[in-house]
Amino acid sequence: MEVQIIKERVVKVQSQREYLLSLLEQPNLGTLRIDVNQALEEMDELVDEFKRTFPEAEI
């Protein structure tokens, strides 16, 4: 897979981060809050790993 395609996919995933953050503001989220937090952590790890693997690619 080309770096550009991976970059586009990482950017797409990263763009969903704001939506997940807005979900955390919902008072009736209940136990789903744990899943949303986990998703945010995994997204952050994905972006960090991408940056370490392809330091020349800016996102």
PDB file of N, CA and C in Angstrom:
ATOM      1  N   MET A   1       0.841  -1.168   0.000  1.00  0.00           N
ATOM      2  CA  MET A   1       0.000   0.000   0.000  1.00  0.00           C
ATOM      3  C   MET A   1       0.891   1.237   0.000  1.00  0.00           C
ATOM      4  N   GLU A   2       0.517   2.215  -0.772  1.00  0.00           N
ATOM      5  CA  GLU A   2       1.313   3.433  -0.871  1.00  0.00           C
ATOM      6  C   GLU A   2       1.140   4.302   0.368  1.00  0.00           C
ATOM      7  N   VAL A   3       2.170   5.056   0.661  1.00  0.00           N
ATOM      8  CA  VAL A   3       2.160   5.943   1.818  1.00  0.00           C
ATOM      9  C   VAL A   3       1.022   6.952   1.696  1.00  0.00           C
ATOM     10  N   GLN A   4       0.771   7.454   0.510  1.00  0.00           N
ATOM     11  CA  GLN A   4      -0.282   8.451   0.323  1.00  0.00           C
ATOM     12  C   GLN A   4      -1.656   7.887   0.689  1.00  0.00           C
ATOM     13  N   ILE A   5      -1.908   6.652   0.330  1.00  0.00           N
ATOM     14  CA  ILE A   5      -3.190   6.024   0.647  1.00  0.00           C
ATOM     15  C   ILE A   5      -3.330   5.842   2.160  1.00  0.00           C
ATOM     16  N   ILE A   6      -2.253   5.405   2.790  1.00  0.00           N
ATOM     17  CA  ILE A   6      -2.267   5.240   4.246  1.00  0.00           C
ATOM     18  C   ILE A   6      -2.505   6.589   4.906  1.00  0.00           C
ATOM     19  N   LYS A   7      -1.825   7.600   4.417  1.00  0.00           N
ATOM     20  CA  LYS A   7      -1.982   8.947   4.976  1.00  0.00           C
ATOM     21  C   LYS A   7      -3.430   9.406   4.862  1.00  0.00           C
ATOM     22  N   GLU A   8      -4.045   9.197   3.718  1.00  0.00           N
ATOM     23  CA  GLU A   8      -5.440   9.608   3.525  1.00  0.00           C
ATOM     24  C   GLU A   8      -6.360   8.900   4.508  1.00  0.00           C
ATOM     25  N   ARG A   9      -6.093   7.632   4.730  1.00  0.00           N
ATOM     26  CA  ARG A   9      -6.930   6.873   5.663  1.00  0.00           C
ATOM     27  C   ARG A   9      -6.727   7.315   7.095  1.00  0.00           C
ATOM     28  N   VAL A  10      -5.493   7.630   7.466  1.00  0.00           N
ATOM     29  CA  VAL A  10      -5.220   8.113   8.816  1.00  0.00           C
ATOM     30  C   VAL A  10      -5.882   9.468   9.021  1.00  0.00           C
ATOM     31  N   VAL A  11      -5.828  10.331   8.020  1.00  0.00           N
ATOM     32  CA  VAL A  11      -6.474  11.646   8.111  1.00  0.00           C
ATOM     33  C   VAL A  11      -7.982  11.469   8.274  1.00  0.00           C
ATOM     34  N   LYS A  12      -8.555  10.520   7.550  1.00  0.00           N
ATOM     35  CA  LYS A  12      -9.995  10.268   7.657  1.00  0.00           C
ATOM     36  C   LYS A  12     -10.364   9.807   9.067  1.00  0.00           C
ATOM     37  N   VAL A  13      -9.566   8.897   9.611  1.00  0.00           N
ATOM     38  CA  VAL A  13      -9.810   8.422  10.972  1.00  0.00           C
ATOM     39  C   VAL A  13      -9.647   9.569  11.962  1.00  0.00           C
ATOM     40  N   GLN A  14      -8.624  10.361  11.774  1.00  0.00           N
ATOM     41  CA  GLN A  14      -8.350  11.475  12.679  1.00  0.00           C
ATOM     42  C   GLN A  14      -9.481  12.508  12.648  1.00  0.00           C
ATOM     43  N   SER A  15     -10.120  12.663  11.497  1.00  0.00           N
ATOM     44  CA  SER A  15     -11.205  13.645  11.395  1.00  0.00           C
ATOM     45  C   SER A  15     -12.412  13.241  12.244  1.00  0.00           C
ATOM     46  N   GLN A  16     -12.530  11.967  12.581  1.00  0.00           N
ATOM     47  CA  GLN A  16     -13.634  11.497  13.410  1.00  0.00           C
ATOM     48  C   GLN A  16     -13.395  11.732  14.903  1.00  0.00           C
ATOM     49  N   ARG A  17     -12.198  12.170  15.245  1.00  0.00           N
ATOM     50  CA  ARG A  17     -11.851  12.383  16.650  1.00  0.00           C
ATOM     51  C   ARG A  17     -12.749  13.424  17.302  1.00  0.00           C
ATOM     52  N   GLU A  18     -13.035  14.502  16.592  1.00  0.00           N
ATOM     53  CA  GLU A  18     -13.878  15.564  17.141  1.00  0.00           C
ATOM     54  C   GLU A  18     -15.280  15.040  17.466  1.00  0.00           C
ATOM     55  N   TYR A  19     -15.795  14.156  16.625  1.00  0.00           N
ATOM     56  CA  TYR A  19     -17.106  13.571  16.883  1.00  0.00           C
ATOM     57  C   TYR A  19     -17.084  12.763  18.182  1.00  0.00           C
ATOM     58  N   LEU A  20     -16.037  11.972  18.363  1.00  0.00           N
ATOM     59  CA  LEU A  20     -15.934  11.191  19.590  1.00  0.00           C
ATOM     60  C   LEU A  20     -15.821  12.095  20.816  1.00  0.00           C
ATOM     61  N   LEU A  21     -15.089  13.188  20.673  1.00  0.00           N
ATOM     62  CA  LEU A  21     -14.983  14.127  21.788  1.00  0.00           C
ATOM     63  C   LEU A  21     -16.344  14.731  22.120  1.00  0.00           C
ATOM     64  N   SER A  22     -17.141  15.015  21.093  1.00  0.00           N
ATOM     65  CA  SER A  22     -18.470  15.569  21.344  1.00  0.00           C
ATOM     66  C   SER A  22     -19.370  14.540  22.028  1.00  0.00           C
ATOM     67  N   LEU A  23     -19.163  13.268  21.732  1.00  0.00           N
ATOM     68  CA  LEU A  23     -19.937  12.228  22.414  1.00  0.00           C
ATOM     69  C   LEU A  23     -19.655  12.214  23.911  1.00  0.00           C
ATOM     70  N   LEU A  24     -18.416  12.478  24.281  1.00  0.00           N
ATOM     71  CA  LEU A  24     -18.059  12.481  25.705  1.00  0.00           C
ATOM     72  C   LEU A  24     -18.803  13.563  26.479  1.00  0.00           C
ATOM     73  N   GLU A  25     -19.279  14.578  25.790  1.00  0.00           N
ATOM     74  CA  GLU A  25     -20.010  15.664  26.450  1.00  0.00           C
ATOM     75  C   GLU A  25     -21.462  15.300  26.733  1.00  0.00           C
ATOM     76  N   GLN A  26     -21.922  14.187  26.162  1.00  0.00           N
ATOM     77  CA  GLN A  26     -23.307  13.756  26.364  1.00  0.00           C
ATOM     78  C   GLN A  26     -23.472  13.195  27.783  1.00  0.00           C
ATOM     79  N   PRO A  27     -24.436  13.733  28.531  1.00  0.00           N
ATOM     80  CA  PRO A  27     -24.613  13.273  29.919  1.00  0.00           C
ATOM     81  C   PRO A  27     -25.196  11.865  30.027  1.00  0.00           C
ATOM     82  N   ASN A  28     -25.871  11.391  28.994  1.00  0.00           N
ATOM     83  CA  ASN A  28     -26.540  10.094  29.072  1.00  0.00           C
ATOM     84  C   ASN A  28     -25.749   8.983  28.381  1.00  0.00           C
ATOM     85  N   LEU A  29     -24.464   9.131  28.278  1.00  0.00           N
ATOM     86  CA  LEU A  29     -23.632   8.168  27.567  1.00  0.00           C
ATOM     87  C   LEU A  29     -23.488   6.847  28.327  1.00  0.00           C
ATOM     88  N   GLY A  30     -23.509   6.918  29.623  1.00  0.00           N
ATOM     89  CA  GLY A  30     -23.439   5.707  30.443  1.00  0.00           C
ATOM     90  C   GLY A  30     -22.144   4.949  30.250  1.00  0.00           C
ATOM     91  N   THR A  31     -22.269   3.629  30.138  1.00  0.00           N
ATOM     92  CA  THR A  31     -21.079   2.783  30.034  1.00  0.00           C
ATOM     93  C   THR A  31     -20.409   2.886  28.670  1.00  0.00           C
ATOM     94  N   LEU A  32     -21.092   3.488  27.689  1.00  0.00           N
ATOM     95  CA  LEU A  32     -20.456   3.693  26.377  1.00  0.00           C
ATOM     96  C   LEU A  32     -19.278   4.660  26.472  1.00  0.00           C
ATOM     97  N   ARG A  33     -19.241   5.441  27.545  1.00  0.00           N
ATOM     98  CA  ARG A  33     -18.128   6.375  27.763  1.00  0.00           C
ATOM     99  C   ARG A  33     -16.794   5.624  27.750  1.00  0.00           C
ATOM    100  N   ILE A  34     -16.775   4.419  28.301  1.00  0.00           N
ATOM    101  CA  ILE A  34     -15.557   3.604  28.322  1.00  0.00           C
ATOM    102  C   ILE A  34     -15.127   3.275  26.893  1.00  0.00           C
ATOM    103  N   ASP A  35     -16.084   2.888  26.051  1.00  0.00           N
ATOM    104  CA  ASP A  35     -15.763   2.554  24.660  1.00  0.00           C
ATOM    105  C   ASP A  35     -15.292   3.768  23.879  1.00  0.00           C
ATOM    106  N   VAL A  36     -15.905   4.914  24.131  1.00  0.00           N
ATOM    107  CA  VAL A  36     -15.499   6.134  23.436  1.00  0.00           C
ATOM    108  C   VAL A  36     -14.091   6.530  23.847  1.00  0.00           C
ATOM    109  N   ASN A  37     -13.802   6.433  25.129  1.00  0.00           N
ATOM    110  CA  ASN A  37     -12.443   6.730  25.599  1.00  0.00           C
ATOM    111  C   ASN A  37     -11.424   5.779  24.981  1.00  0.00           C
ATOM    112  N   GLN A  38     -11.779   4.511  24.896  1.00  0.00           N
ATOM    113  CA  GLN A  38     -10.884   3.521  24.295  1.00  0.00           C
ATOM    114  C   GLN A  38     -10.638   3.845  22.827  1.00  0.00           C
ATOM    115  N   ALA A  39     -11.695   4.211  22.121  1.00  0.00           N
ATOM    116  CA  ALA A  39     -11.560   4.563  20.703  1.00  0.00           C
ATOM    117  C   ALA A  39     -10.642   5.771  20.531  1.00  0.00           C
ATOM    118  N   LEU A  40     -10.780   6.767  21.394  1.00  0.00           N
ATOM    119  CA  LEU A  40      -9.910   7.946  21.326  1.00  0.00           C
ATOM    120  C   LEU A  40      -8.451   7.565  21.570  1.00  0.00           C
ATOM    121  N   GLU A  41      -8.217   6.728  22.552  1.00  0.00           N
ATOM    122  CA  GLU A  41      -6.848   6.297  22.840  1.00  0.00           C
ATOM    123  C   GLU A  41      -6.246   5.548  21.653  1.00  0.00           C
ATOM    124  N   GLU A  42      -7.024   4.662  21.059  1.00  0.00           N
ATOM    125  CA  GLU A  42      -6.521   3.891  19.928  1.00  0.00           C
ATOM    126  C   GLU A  42      -6.279   4.781  18.710  1.00  0.00           C
ATOM    127  N   MET A  43      -7.131   5.759  18.499  1.00  0.00           N
ATOM    128  CA  MET A  43      -6.922   6.692  17.387  1.00  0.00           C
ATOM    129  C   MET A  43      -5.631   7.474  17.590  1.00  0.00           C
ATOM    130  N   ASP A  44      -5.417   7.937  18.813  1.00  0.00           N
ATOM    131  CA  ASP A  44      -4.199   8.690  19.107  1.00  0.00           C
ATOM    132  C   ASP A  44      -2.962   7.821  18.898  1.00  0.00           C
ATOM    133  N   GLU A  45      -3.040   6.562  19.312  1.00  0.00           N
ATOM    134  CA  GLU A  45      -1.918   5.643  19.111  1.00  0.00           C
ATOM    135  C   GLU A  45      -1.662   5.408  17.625  1.00  0.00           C
ATOM    136  N   LEU A  46      -2.728   5.276  16.847  1.00  0.00           N
ATOM    137  CA  LEU A  46      -2.603   5.074  15.410  1.00  0.00           C
ATOM    138  C   LEU A  46      -1.879   6.254  14.750  1.00  0.00           C
ATOM    139  N   VAL A  47      -2.290   7.455  15.111  1.00  0.00           N
ATOM    140  CA  VAL A  47      -1.671   8.648  14.534  1.00  0.00           C
ATOM    141  C   VAL A  47      -0.216   8.753  14.961  1.00  0.00           C
ATOM    142  N   ASP A  48       0.066   8.476  16.235  1.00  0.00           N
ATOM    143  CA  ASP A  48       1.454   8.516  16.718  1.00  0.00           C
ATOM    144  C   ASP A  48       2.324   7.491  15.995  1.00  0.00           C
ATOM    145  N   GLU A  49       1.782   6.300  15.813  1.00  0.00           N
ATOM    146  CA  GLU A  49       2.538   5.259  15.119  1.00  0.00           C
ATOM    147  C   GLU A  49       2.794   5.636  13.662  1.00  0.00           C
ATOM    148  N   PHE A  50       1.804   6.234  13.026  1.00  0.00           N
ATOM    149  CA  PHE A  50       1.979   6.692  11.653  1.00  0.00           C
ATOM    150  C   PHE A  50       3.099   7.732  11.580  1.00  0.00           C
ATOM    151  N   LYS A  51       3.090   8.672  12.501  1.00  0.00           N
ATOM    152  CA  LYS A  51       4.113   9.730  12.505  1.00  0.00           C
ATOM    153  C   LYS A  51       5.508   9.153  12.753  1.00  0.00           C
ATOM    154  N   ARG A  52       5.601   8.121  13.600  1.00  0.00           N
ATOM    155  CA  ARG A  52       6.913   7.497  13.847  1.00  0.00           C
ATOM    156  C   ARG A  52       7.371   6.703  12.640  1.00  0.00           C
ATOM    157  N   THR A  53       6.437   6.059  11.976  1.00  0.00           N
ATOM    158  CA  THR A  53       6.783   5.221  10.821  1.00  0.00           C
ATOM    159  C   THR A  53       7.117   6.051   9.595  1.00  0.00           C
ATOM    160  N   PHE A  54       6.370   7.137   9.390  1.00  0.00           N
ATOM    161  CA  PHE A  54       6.565   7.996   8.216  1.00  0.00           C
ATOM    162  C   PHE A  54       6.781   9.438   8.691  1.00  0.00           C
ATOM    163  N   PRO A  55       7.944   9.727   9.279  1.00  0.00           N
ATOM    164  CA  PRO A  55       8.172  11.074   9.825  1.00  0.00           C
ATOM    165  C   PRO A  55       8.151  12.160   8.756  1.00  0.00           C
ATOM    166  N   GLU A  56       8.406  11.780   7.497  1.00  0.00           N
ATOM    167  CA  GLU A  56       8.422  12.782   6.427  1.00  0.00           C
ATOM    168  C   GLU A  56       7.023  13.138   5.950  1.00  0.00           C
ATOM    169  N   ALA A  57       6.039  12.291   6.265  1.00  0.00           N
ATOM    170  CA  ALA A  57       4.659  12.544   5.837  1.00  0.00           C
ATOM    171  C   ALA A  57       3.960  13.395   6.875  1.00  0.00           C
ATOM    172  N   GLU A  58       3.452  14.519   6.466  1.00  0.00           N
ATOM    173  CA  GLU A  58       2.745  15.400   7.398  1.00  0.00           C
ATOM    174  C   GLU A  58       1.253  15.174   7.271  1.00  0.00           C
ATOM    175  N   ILE A  59       0.612  15.131   8.443  1.00  0.00           N
ATOM    176  CA  ILE A  59      -0.845  15.010   8.446  1.00  0.00           C
ATOM    177  C   ILE A  59      -1.476  16.121   9.229  1.00  0.00           C
TER     178      ILE A  59
END
